[in-house]
Amino acid sequence: MKIKDTKNTGTQIITKWKLNIIHFINKIEFRVTLSNTFDYSYLLKSSCDGENWSEIENCSQFDKKGGRKTFLFERRKMKYLTIVIESNRPNGVIGGTANNVVATML
């Protein structure tokens, strides 16, 4: 996957990734590197056209740990993936990245 766009809103880091063509995917793995110890949640969304998005996974329970994250789900077609990392610190500055993204079909 190639990174398409990254935006930091202050409390969220939104990273969009793009595959070369549409694939069936049912597993997403990525590494989260955090620059502070605030709690974070994760939201994953997919799209075939980059305009219409559907939610894959919403991990609203906050997690202090960075590192490798793995999400298994019912297979779906996708060309685009968005990973949203959100901090629970109100009006705080979030720092970190989602990188080493791997999308596979098991």
PDB file of N, CA and C in Angstrom:
ATOM      1  N   MET A   1       0.844  -1.180   0.000  1.00  0.00           N
ATOM      2  CA  MET A   1       0.000   0.000   0.000  1.00  0.00           C
ATOM      3  C   MET A   1       0.885   1.238   0.000  1.00  0.00           C
ATOM      4  N   LYS A   2       0.432   2.237  -0.703  1.00  0.00           N
ATOM      5  CA  LYS A   2       1.155   3.500  -0.738  1.00  0.00           C
ATOM      6  C   LYS A   2       0.337   4.551  -0.010  1.00  0.00           C
ATOM      7  N   ILE A   3       1.047   5.395   0.717  1.00  0.00           N
ATOM      8  CA  ILE A   3       0.362   6.457   1.451  1.00  0.00           C
ATOM      9  C   ILE A   3      -0.140   7.502   0.459  1.00  0.00           C
ATOM     10  N   LYS A   4      -1.379   7.918   0.656  1.00  0.00           N
ATOM     11  CA  LYS A   4      -1.981   8.909  -0.224  1.00  0.00           C
ATOM     12  C   LYS A   4      -2.001  10.280   0.433  1.00  0.00           C
ATOM     13  N   ASP A   5      -2.304  10.294   1.746  1.00  0.00           N
ATOM     14  CA  ASP A   5      -2.461  11.574   2.433  1.00  0.00           C
ATOM     15  C   ASP A   5      -2.410  11.340   3.938  1.00  0.00           C
ATOM     16  N   THR A   6      -1.827  12.281   4.671  1.00  0.00           N
ATOM     17  CA  THR A   6      -1.842  12.256   6.133  1.00  0.00           C
ATOM     18  C   THR A   6      -2.210  13.642   6.628  1.00  0.00           C
ATOM     19  N   LYS A   7      -3.114  13.677   7.616  1.00  0.00           N
ATOM     20  CA  LYS A   7      -3.547  14.956   8.180  1.00  0.00           C
ATOM     21  C   LYS A   7      -3.576  14.823   9.697  1.00  0.00           C
ATOM     22  N   ASN A   8      -3.037  15.812  10.403  1.00  0.00           N
ATOM     23  CA  ASN A   8      -3.074  15.856  11.854  1.00  0.00           C
ATOM     24  C   ASN A   8      -3.992  17.011  12.252  1.00  0.00           C
ATOM     25  N   THR A   9      -5.133  16.672  12.907  1.00  0.00           N
ATOM     26  CA  THR A   9      -6.107  17.699  13.289  1.00  0.00           C
ATOM     27  C   THR A   9      -5.872  18.236  14.695  1.00  0.00           C
ATOM     28  N   GLY A  10      -4.894  17.693  15.387  1.00  0.00           N
ATOM     29  CA  GLY A  10      -4.645  18.087  16.769  1.00  0.00           C
ATOM     30  C   GLY A  10      -5.029  16.980  17.732  1.00  0.00           C
ATOM     31  N   THR A  11      -6.224  16.391  17.539  1.00  0.00           N
ATOM     32  CA  THR A  11      -6.638  15.248  18.361  1.00  0.00           C
ATOM     33  C   THR A  11      -6.733  13.971  17.539  1.00  0.00           C
ATOM     34  N   GLN A  12      -6.564  14.074  16.213  1.00  0.00           N
ATOM     35  CA  GLN A  12      -6.616  12.904  15.339  1.00  0.00           C
ATOM     36  C   GLN A  12      -5.469  12.928  14.333  1.00  0.00           C
ATOM     37  N   ILE A  13      -4.981  11.742  14.004  1.00  0.00           N
ATOM     38  CA  ILE A  13      -4.102  11.579  12.853  1.00  0.00           C
ATOM     39  C   ILE A  13      -4.867  10.721  11.862  1.00  0.00           C
ATOM     40  N   ILE A  14      -5.110  11.262  10.679  1.00  0.00           N
ATOM     41  CA  ILE A  14      -5.884  10.579   9.647  1.00  0.00           C
ATOM     42  C   ILE A  14      -4.939  10.251   8.501  1.00  0.00           C
ATOM     43  N   THR A  15      -4.751   8.963   8.242  1.00  0.00           N
ATOM     44  CA  THR A  15      -3.841   8.528   7.189  1.00  0.00           C
ATOM     45  C   THR A  15      -4.630   7.740   6.159  1.00  0.00           C
ATOM     46  N   LYS A  16      -4.519   8.139   4.892  1.00  0.00           N
ATOM     47  CA  LYS A  16      -5.191   7.441   3.795  1.00  0.00           C
ATOM     48  C   LYS A  16      -4.147   6.691   2.981  1.00  0.00           C
ATOM     49  N   TRP A  17      -4.481   5.431   2.665  1.00  0.00           N
ATOM     50  CA  TRP A  17      -3.599   4.551   1.912  1.00  0.00           C
ATOM     51  C   TRP A  17      -4.310   4.113   0.636  1.00  0.00           C
ATOM     52  N   LYS A  18      -3.508   3.770  -0.390  1.00  0.00           N
ATOM     53  CA  LYS A  18      -4.082   3.386  -1.677  1.00  0.00           C
ATOM     54  C   LYS A  18      -3.386   2.142  -2.216  1.00  0.00           C
ATOM     55  N   LEU A  19      -4.206   1.171  -2.662  1.00  0.00           N
ATOM     56  CA  LEU A  19      -3.705   0.004  -3.380  1.00  0.00           C
ATOM     57  C   LEU A  19      -3.654   0.341  -4.875  1.00  0.00           C
ATOM     58  N   ASN A  20      -2.892  -0.413  -5.648  1.00  0.00           N
ATOM     59  CA  ASN A  20      -2.818  -0.167  -7.093  1.00  0.00           C
ATOM     60  C   ASN A  20      -4.138  -0.465  -7.788  1.00  0.00           C
ATOM     61  N   ILE A  21      -4.816  -1.550  -7.372  1.00  0.00           N
ATOM     62  CA  ILE A  21      -6.106  -1.939  -7.929  1.00  0.00           C
ATOM     63  C   ILE A  21      -7.019  -2.391  -6.790  1.00  0.00           C
ATOM     64  N   ILE A  22      -8.292  -2.591  -7.091  1.00  0.00           N
ATOM     65  CA  ILE A  22      -9.242  -3.086  -6.090  1.00  0.00           C
ATOM     66  C   ILE A  22      -8.918  -4.538  -5.769  1.00  0.00           C
ATOM     67  N   HIS A  23      -8.888  -4.872  -4.470  1.00  0.00           N
ATOM     68  CA  HIS A  23      -8.620  -6.224  -3.995  1.00  0.00           C
ATOM     69  C   HIS A  23      -9.684  -6.619  -2.977  1.00  0.00           C
ATOM     70  N   PHE A  24      -9.874  -7.941  -2.800  1.00  0.00           N
ATOM     71  CA  PHE A  24     -10.619  -8.443  -1.661  1.00  0.00           C
ATOM     72  C   PHE A  24      -9.656  -8.507  -0.486  1.00  0.00           C
ATOM     73  N   ILE A  25     -10.031  -7.913   0.635  1.00  0.00           N
ATOM     74  CA  ILE A  25      -9.172  -7.840   1.823  1.00  0.00           C
ATOM     75  C   ILE A  25      -9.990  -8.292   3.034  1.00  0.00           C
ATOM     76  N   ASN A  26      -9.341  -9.022   3.960  1.00  0.00           N
ATOM     77  CA  ASN A  26     -10.021  -9.353   5.214  1.00  0.00           C
ATOM     78  C   ASN A  26      -9.096  -9.236   6.428  1.00  0.00           C
ATOM     79  N   LYS A  27      -7.912  -8.681   6.217  1.00  0.00           N
ATOM     80  CA  LYS A  27      -6.987  -8.490   7.334  1.00  0.00           C
ATOM     81  C   LYS A  27      -6.148  -7.234   7.089  1.00  0.00           C
ATOM     82  N   ILE A  28      -6.095  -6.395   8.108  1.00  0.00           N
ATOM     83  CA  ILE A  28      -5.265  -5.190   8.067  1.00  0.00           C
ATOM     84  C   ILE A  28      -4.328  -5.235   9.264  1.00  0.00           C
ATOM     85  N   GLU A  29      -3.063  -5.014   9.010  1.00  0.00           N
ATOM     86  CA  GLU A  29      -2.068  -4.898  10.074  1.00  0.00           C
ATOM     87  C   GLU A  29      -1.320  -3.581   9.887  1.00  0.00           C
ATOM     88  N   PHE A  30      -1.009  -2.930  10.987  1.00  0.00           N
ATOM     89  CA  PHE A  30      -0.178  -1.728  10.919  1.00  0.00           C
ATOM     90  C   PHE A  30       0.521  -1.521  12.248  1.00  0.00           C
ATOM     91  N   ARG A  31       1.573  -0.745  12.207  1.00  0.00           N
ATOM     92  CA  ARG A  31       2.337  -0.418  13.405  1.00  0.00           C
ATOM     93  C   ARG A  31       2.038   1.023  13.779  1.00  0.00           C
ATOM     94  N   VAL A  32       1.740   1.229  15.056  1.00  0.00           N
ATOM     95  CA  VAL A  32       1.477   2.576  15.563  1.00  0.00           C
ATOM     96  C   VAL A  32       2.691   3.032  16.365  1.00  0.00           C
ATOM     97  N   THR A  33       3.221   4.182  15.986  1.00  0.00           N
ATOM     98  CA  THR A  33       4.322   4.793  16.715  1.00  0.00           C
ATOM     99  C   THR A  33       3.774   6.050  17.373  1.00  0.00           C
ATOM    100  N   LEU A  34       3.780   6.075  18.702  1.00  0.00           N
ATOM    101  CA  LEU A  34       3.206   7.196  19.451  1.00  0.00           C
ATOM    102  C   LEU A  34       4.316   8.037  20.060  1.00  0.00           C
ATOM    103  N   SER A  35       4.091   9.350  20.081  1.00  0.00           N
ATOM    104  CA  SER A  35       5.113  10.239  20.632  1.00  0.00           C
ATOM    105  C   SER A  35       4.805  10.669  22.062  1.00  0.00           C
ATOM    106  N   ASN A  36       3.702  10.178  22.629  1.00  0.00           N
ATOM    107  CA  ASN A  36       3.399  10.468  24.033  1.00  0.00           C
ATOM    108  C   ASN A  36       2.594   9.319  24.608  1.00  0.00           C
ATOM    109  N   THR A  37       2.212   9.413  25.848  1.00  0.00           N
ATOM    110  CA  THR A  37       1.571   8.279  26.523  1.00  0.00           C
ATOM    111  C   THR A  37       0.076   8.466  26.745  1.00  0.00           C
ATOM    112  N   PHE A  38      -0.568   9.318  25.978  1.00  0.00           N
ATOM    113  CA  PHE A  38      -2.013   9.476  26.097  1.00  0.00           C
ATOM    114  C   PHE A  38      -2.717   8.268  25.495  1.00  0.00           C
ATOM    115  N   ASP A  39      -3.954   8.035  25.906  1.00  0.00           N
ATOM    116  CA  ASP A  39      -4.718   6.917  25.364  1.00  0.00           C
ATOM    117  C   ASP A  39      -5.200   7.238  23.950  1.00  0.00           C
ATOM    118  N   TYR A  40      -5.272   6.186  23.110  1.00  0.00           N
ATOM    119  CA  TYR A  40      -5.664   6.341  21.715  1.00  0.00           C
ATOM    120  C   TYR A  40      -6.737   5.340  21.350  1.00  0.00           C
ATOM    121  N   SER A  41      -7.593   5.697  20.393  1.00  0.00           N
ATOM    122  CA  SER A  41      -8.528   4.753  19.792  1.00  0.00           C
ATOM    123  C   SER A  41      -8.237   4.715  18.292  1.00  0.00           C
ATOM    124  N   TYR A  42      -8.828   3.705  17.616  1.00  0.00           N
ATOM    125  CA  TYR A  42      -8.542   3.490  16.200  1.00  0.00           C
ATOM    126  C   TYR A  42      -9.840   3.305  15.435  1.00  0.00           C
ATOM    127  N   LEU A  43      -9.906   3.875  14.241  1.00  0.00           N
ATOM    128  CA  LEU A  43     -11.029   3.702  13.340  1.00  0.00           C
ATOM    129  C   LEU A  43     -10.461   3.356  11.969  1.00  0.00           C
ATOM    130  N   LEU A  44     -10.955   2.280  11.356  1.00  0.00           N
ATOM    131  CA  LEU A  44     -10.534   1.869  10.024  1.00  0.00           C
ATOM    132  C   LEU A  44     -11.723   1.955   9.086  1.00  0.00           C
ATOM    133  N   LYS A  45     -11.515   2.559   7.907  1.00  0.00           N
ATOM    134  CA  LYS A  45     -12.562   2.687   6.899  1.00  0.00           C
ATOM    135  C   LYS A  45     -11.997   2.267   5.548  1.00  0.00           C
ATOM    136  N   SER A  46     -12.866   1.727   4.682  1.00  0.00           N
ATOM    137  CA  SER A  46     -12.433   1.309   3.350  1.00  0.00           C
ATOM    138  C   SER A  46     -13.306   1.957   2.283  1.00  0.00           C
ATOM    139  N   SER A  47     -12.754   1.980   1.062  1.00  0.00           N
ATOM    140  CA  SER A  47     -13.480   2.534  -0.074  1.00  0.00           C
ATOM    141  C   SER A  47     -12.938   1.913  -1.361  1.00  0.00           C
ATOM    142  N   CYS A  48     -13.797   1.807  -2.346  1.00  0.00           N
ATOM    143  CA  CYS A  48     -13.352   1.367  -3.672  1.00  0.00           C
ATOM    144  C   CYS A  48     -13.050   2.553  -4.579  1.00  0.00           C
ATOM    145  N   ASP A  49     -13.661   3.709  -4.290  1.00  0.00           N
ATOM    146  CA  ASP A  49     -13.504   4.863  -5.176  1.00  0.00           C
ATOM    147  C   ASP A  49     -12.846   6.077  -4.507  1.00  0.00           C
ATOM    148  N   GLY A  50     -12.586   6.017  -3.201  1.00  0.00           N
ATOM    149  CA  GLY A  50     -11.978   7.140  -2.502  1.00  0.00           C
ATOM    150  C   GLY A  50     -12.970   8.217  -2.095  1.00  0.00           C
ATOM    151  N   GLU A  51     -14.249   8.019  -2.421  1.00  0.00           N
ATOM    152  CA  GLU A  51     -15.285   9.001  -2.097  1.00  0.00           C
ATOM    153  C   GLU A  51     -16.313   8.452  -1.106  1.00  0.00           C
ATOM    154  N   ASN A  52     -16.730   7.211  -1.307  1.00  0.00           N
ATOM    155  CA  ASN A  52     -17.751   6.570  -0.473  1.00  0.00           C
ATOM    156  C   ASN A  52     -17.061   5.583   0.459  1.00  0.00           C
ATOM    157  N   TRP A  53     -17.180   5.818   1.776  1.00  0.00           N
ATOM    158  CA  TRP A  53     -16.432   5.054   2.767  1.00  0.00           C
ATOM    159  C   TRP A  53     -17.352   4.209   3.630  1.00  0.00           C
ATOM    160  N   SER A  54     -16.869   3.024   4.018  1.00  0.00           N
ATOM    161  CA  SER A  54     -17.594   2.196   4.981  1.00  0.00           C
ATOM    162  C   SER A  54     -16.644   1.810   6.105  1.00  0.00           C
ATOM    163  N   GLU A  55     -17.210   1.734   7.291  1.00  0.00           N
ATOM    164  CA  GLU A  55     -16.410   1.440   8.482  1.00  0.00           C
ATOM    165  C   GLU A  55     -16.040  -0.040   8.516  1.00  0.00           C
ATOM    166  N   ILE A  56     -14.766  -0.326   8.758  1.00  0.00           N
ATOM    167  CA  ILE A  56     -14.299  -1.699   8.932  1.00  0.00           C
ATOM    168  C   ILE A  56     -14.309  -2.049  10.407  1.00  0.00           C
ATOM    169  N   GLU A  57     -13.707  -1.194  11.194  1.00  0.00           N
ATOM    170  CA  GLU A  57     -13.526  -1.469  12.619  1.00  0.00           C
ATOM    171  C   GLU A  57     -13.476  -0.150  13.369  1.00  0.00           C
ATOM    172  N   ASN A  58     -14.155  -0.109  14.528  1.00  0.00           N
ATOM    173  CA  ASN A  58     -14.120   1.065  15.378  1.00  0.00           C
ATOM    174  C   ASN A  58     -13.720   0.604  16.774  1.00  0.00           C
ATOM    175  N   CYS A  59     -12.464   0.783  17.094  1.00  0.00           N
ATOM    176  CA  CYS A  59     -11.945   0.398  18.418  1.00  0.00           C
ATOM    177  C   CYS A  59     -11.998   1.626  19.296  1.00  0.00           C
ATOM    178  N   SER A  60     -13.149   1.851  19.902  1.00  0.00           N
ATOM    179  CA  SER A  60     -13.337   3.064  20.683  1.00  0.00           C
ATOM    180  C   SER A  60     -12.764   2.960  22.083  1.00  0.00           C
ATOM    181  N   GLN A  61     -12.363   1.759  22.488  1.00  0.00           N
ATOM    182  CA  GLN A  61     -11.704   1.637  23.785  1.00  0.00           C
ATOM    183  C   GLN A  61     -10.278   2.143  23.631  1.00  0.00           C
ATOM    184  N   PHE A  62      -9.914   3.067  24.481  1.00  0.00           N
ATOM    185  CA  PHE A  62      -8.615   3.709  24.347  1.00  0.00           C
ATOM    186  C   PHE A  62      -7.492   2.795  24.823  1.00  0.00           C
ATOM    187  N   ASP A  63      -6.349   2.930  24.197  1.00  0.00           N
ATOM    188  CA  ASP A  63      -5.211   2.034  24.373  1.00  0.00           C
ATOM    189  C   ASP A  63      -3.945   2.885  24.450  1.00  0.00           C
ATOM    190  N   LYS A  64      -3.134   2.686  25.477  1.00  0.00           N
ATOM    191  CA  LYS A  64      -1.887   3.443  25.605  1.00  0.00           C
ATOM    192  C   LYS A  64      -0.753   2.835  24.805  1.00  0.00           C
ATOM    193  N   LYS A  65      -0.942   1.612  24.361  1.00  0.00           N
ATOM    194  CA  LYS A  65       0.152   0.915  23.711  1.00  0.00           C
ATOM    195  C   LYS A  65       0.193   1.208  22.223  1.00  0.00           C
ATOM    196  N   GLY A  66       1.355   1.492  21.739  1.00  0.00           N
ATOM    197  CA  GLY A  66       1.559   1.561  20.304  1.00  0.00           C
ATOM    198  C   GLY A  66       1.862   0.147  19.826  1.00  0.00           C
ATOM    199  N   GLY A  67       2.660   0.042  18.801  1.00  0.00           N
ATOM    200  CA  GLY A  67       3.065  -1.268  18.311  1.00  0.00           C
ATOM    201  C   GLY A  67       2.145  -1.804  17.235  1.00  0.00           C
ATOM    202  N   ARG A  68       2.246  -3.097  16.992  1.00  0.00           N
ATOM    203  CA  ARG A  68       1.517  -3.771  15.918  1.00  0.00           C
ATOM    204  C   ARG A  68       0.040  -3.942  16.279  1.00  0.00           C
ATOM    205  N   LYS A  69      -0.834  -3.536  15.364  1.00  0.00           N
ATOM    206  CA  LYS A  69      -2.280  -3.711  15.502  1.00  0.00           C
ATOM    207  C   LYS A  69      -2.750  -4.599  14.364  1.00  0.00           C
ATOM    208  N   THR A  70      -3.602  -5.573  14.674  1.00  0.00           N
ATOM    209  CA  THR A  70      -4.125  -6.496  13.672  1.00  0.00           C
ATOM    210  C   THR A  70      -5.638  -6.533  13.763  1.00  0.00           C
ATOM    211  N   PHE A  71      -6.313  -6.399  12.622  1.00  0.00           N
ATOM    212  CA  PHE A  71      -7.766  -6.417  12.556  1.00  0.00           C
ATOM    213  C   PHE A  71      -8.205  -7.423  11.499  1.00  0.00           C
ATOM    214  N   LEU A  72      -9.020  -8.404  11.899  1.00  0.00           N
ATOM    215  CA  LEU A  72      -9.627  -9.381  10.997  1.00  0.00           C
ATOM    216  C   LEU A  72     -11.099  -9.035  10.836  1.00  0.00           C
ATOM    217  N   PHE A  73     -11.626  -9.172   9.635  1.00  0.00           N
ATOM    218  CA  PHE A  73     -13.013  -8.813   9.360  1.00  0.00           C
ATOM    219  C   PHE A  73     -13.498  -9.606   8.148  1.00  0.00           C
ATOM    220  N   GLU A  74     -14.803  -9.557   7.910  1.00  0.00           N
ATOM    221  CA  GLU A  74     -15.368 -10.229   6.739  1.00  0.00           C
ATOM    222  C   GLU A  74     -14.782  -9.596   5.482  1.00  0.00           C
ATOM    223  N   ARG A  75     -14.430 -10.432   4.508  1.00  0.00           N
ATOM    224  CA  ARG A  75     -13.750  -9.909   3.316  1.00  0.00           C
ATOM    225  C   ARG A  75     -14.599  -8.865   2.611  1.00  0.00           C
ATOM    226  N   ARG A  76     -13.905  -7.896   2.047  1.00  0.00           N
ATOM    227  CA  ARG A  76     -14.560  -6.820   1.316  1.00  0.00           C
ATOM    228  C   ARG A  76     -13.620  -6.290   0.247  1.00  0.00           C
ATOM    229  N   LYS A  77     -14.217  -5.718  -0.783  1.00  0.00           N
ATOM    230  CA  LYS A  77     -13.423  -5.092  -1.838  1.00  0.00           C
ATOM    231  C   LYS A  77     -12.964  -3.736  -1.341  1.00  0.00           C
ATOM    232  N   MET A  78     -11.715  -3.403  -1.667  1.00  0.00           N
ATOM    233  CA  MET A  78     -11.229  -2.060  -1.344  1.00  0.00           C
ATOM    234  C   MET A  78     -10.043  -1.690  -2.212  1.00  0.00           C
ATOM    235  N   LYS A  79      -9.909  -0.420  -2.425  1.00  0.00           N
ATOM    236  CA  LYS A  79      -8.729   0.153  -3.069  1.00  0.00           C
ATOM    237  C   LYS A  79      -8.086   1.177  -2.136  1.00  0.00           C
ATOM    238  N   TYR A  80      -8.898   1.751  -1.258  1.00  0.00           N
ATOM    239  CA  TYR A  80      -8.438   2.776  -0.328  1.00  0.00           C
ATOM    240  C   TYR A  80      -8.713   2.339   1.110  1.00  0.00           C
ATOM    241  N   LEU A  81      -7.829   2.732   2.002  1.00  0.00           N
ATOM    242  CA  LEU A  81      -7.963   2.465   3.427  1.00  0.00           C
ATOM    243  C   LEU A  81      -7.655   3.750   4.179  1.00  0.00           C
ATOM    244  N   THR A  82      -8.486   4.079   5.150  1.00  0.00           N
ATOM    245  CA  THR A  82      -8.215   5.203   6.043  1.00  0.00           C
ATOM    246  C   THR A  82      -8.059   4.672   7.456  1.00  0.00           C
ATOM    247  N   ILE A  83      -6.985   5.088   8.118  1.00  0.00           N
ATOM    248  CA  ILE A  83      -6.754   4.761   9.518  1.00  0.00           C
ATOM    249  C   ILE A  83      -6.799   6.063  10.301  1.00  0.00           C
ATOM    250  N   VAL A  84      -7.704   6.131  11.280  1.00  0.00           N
ATOM    251  CA  VAL A  84      -7.828   7.309  12.135  1.00  0.00           C
ATOM    252  C   VAL A  84      -7.352   6.915  13.529  1.00  0.00           C
ATOM    253  N   ILE A  85      -6.344   7.607  14.028  1.00  0.00           N
ATOM    254  CA  ILE A  85      -5.875   7.431  15.405  1.00  0.00           C
ATOM    255  C   ILE A  85      -6.325   8.667  16.163  1.00  0.00           C
ATOM    256  N   GLU A  86      -7.073   8.464  17.244  1.00  0.00           N
ATOM    257  CA  GLU A  86      -7.624   9.592  17.993  1.00  0.00           C
ATOM    258  C   GLU A  86      -7.180   9.535  19.444  1.00  0.00           C
ATOM    259  N   SER A  87      -6.802  10.683  19.974  1.00  0.00           N
ATOM    260  CA  SER A  87      -6.392  10.788  21.375  1.00  0.00           C
ATOM    261  C   SER A  87      -7.584  11.160  22.238  1.00  0.00           C
ATOM    262  N   ASN A  88      -7.586  10.678  23.488  1.00  0.00           N
ATOM    263  CA  ASN A  88      -8.655  11.058  24.417  1.00  0.00           C
ATOM    264  C   ASN A  88      -8.302  12.324  25.181  1.00  0.00           C
ATOM    265  N   ARG A  89      -7.188  12.925  24.861  1.00  0.00           N
ATOM    266  CA  ARG A  89      -6.781  14.156  25.536  1.00  0.00           C
ATOM    267  C   ARG A  89      -7.481  15.342  24.882  1.00  0.00           C
ATOM    268  N   PRO A  90      -8.437  15.970  25.571  1.00  0.00           N
ATOM    269  CA  PRO A  90      -9.148  17.093  24.977  1.00  0.00           C
ATOM    270  C   PRO A  90      -8.222  18.285  24.770  1.00  0.00           C
ATOM    271  N   ASN A  91      -8.360  18.900  23.631  1.00  0.00           N
ATOM    272  CA  ASN A  91      -7.565  20.082  23.266  1.00  0.00           C
ATOM    273  C   ASN A  91      -6.063  19.812  23.335  1.00  0.00           C
ATOM    274  N   GLY A  92      -5.693  18.569  23.230  1.00  0.00           N
ATOM    275  CA  GLY A  92      -4.277  18.217  23.302  1.00  0.00           C
ATOM    276  C   GLY A  92      -3.703  17.985  21.919  1.00  0.00           C
ATOM    277  N   VAL A  93      -2.421  17.943  21.872  1.00  0.00           N
ATOM    278  CA  VAL A  93      -1.737  17.690  20.612  1.00  0.00           C
ATOM    279  C   VAL A  93      -1.402  16.211  20.547  1.00  0.00           C
ATOM    280  N   ILE A  94      -1.824  15.567  19.477  1.00  0.00           N
ATOM    281  CA  ILE A  94      -1.533  14.161  19.273  1.00  0.00           C
ATOM    282  C   ILE A  94      -0.264  14.052  18.428  1.00  0.00           C
ATOM    283  N   GLY A  95       0.534  13.077  18.744  1.00  0.00           N
ATOM    284  CA  GLY A  95       1.734  12.831  17.956  1.00  0.00           C
ATOM    285  C   GLY A  95       1.887  11.354  17.715  1.00  0.00           C
ATOM    286  N   GLY A  96       2.149  10.983  16.489  1.00  0.00           N
ATOM    287  CA  GLY A  96       2.332   9.578  16.177  1.00  0.00           C
ATOM    288  C   GLY A  96       2.034   9.312  14.723  1.00  0.00           C
ATOM    289  N   THR A  97       2.204   8.057  14.318  1.00  0.00           N
ATOM    290  CA  THR A  97       1.941   7.670  12.943  1.00  0.00           C
ATOM    291  C   THR A  97       1.406   6.245  12.897  1.00  0.00           C
ATOM    292  N   ALA A  98       0.717   5.939  11.816  1.00  0.00           N
ATOM    293  CA  ALA A  98       0.369   4.559  11.466  1.00  0.00           C
ATOM    294  C   ALA A  98       1.231   4.222  10.261  1.00  0.00           C
ATOM    295  N   ASN A  99       2.089   3.229  10.410  1.00  0.00           N
ATOM    296  CA  ASN A  99       2.973   2.896   9.301  1.00  0.00           C
ATOM    297  C   ASN A  99       3.097   1.391   9.157  1.00  0.00           C
ATOM    298  N   ASN A 100       3.900   0.951   8.192  1.00  0.00           N
ATOM    299  CA  ASN A 100       4.077  -0.480   7.905  1.00  0.00           C
ATOM    300  C   ASN A 100       2.726  -1.168   7.722  1.00  0.00           C
ATOM    301  N   VAL A 101       1.864  -0.585   6.920  1.00  0.00           N
ATOM    302  CA  VAL A 101       0.520  -1.130   6.707  1.00  0.00           C
ATOM    303  C   VAL A 101       0.576  -2.309   5.753  1.00  0.00           C
ATOM    304  N   VAL A 102      -0.097  -3.407   6.140  1.00  0.00           N
ATOM    305  CA  VAL A 102      -0.203  -4.600   5.301  1.00  0.00           C
ATOM    306  C   VAL A 102      -1.679  -4.972   5.217  1.00  0.00           C
ATOM    307  N   ALA A 103      -2.197  -5.101   4.001  1.00  0.00           N
ATOM    308  CA  ALA A 103      -3.579  -5.530   3.779  1.00  0.00           C
ATOM    309  C   ALA A 103      -3.519  -6.872   3.058  1.00  0.00           C
ATOM    310  N   THR A 104      -4.191  -7.894   3.600  1.00  0.00           N
ATOM    311  CA  THR A 104      -4.123  -9.230   3.012  1.00  0.00           C
ATOM    312  C   THR A 104      -5.489  -9.889   2.949  1.00  0.00           C
ATOM    313  N   MET A 105      -5.576 -10.918   2.117  1.00  0.00           N
ATOM    314  CA  MET A 105      -6.752 -11.777   2.046  1.00  0.00           C
ATOM    315  C   MET A 105      -6.319 -13.154   2.479  1.00  0.00           C
ATOM    316  N   LEU A 106      -6.862 -13.632   3.612  1.00  0.00           N
ATOM    317  CA  LEU A 106      -6.502 -14.949   4.136  1.00  0.00           C
ATOM    318  C   LEU A 106      -7.384 -16.014   3.533  1.00  0.00           C
TER     319      LEU A 106
END
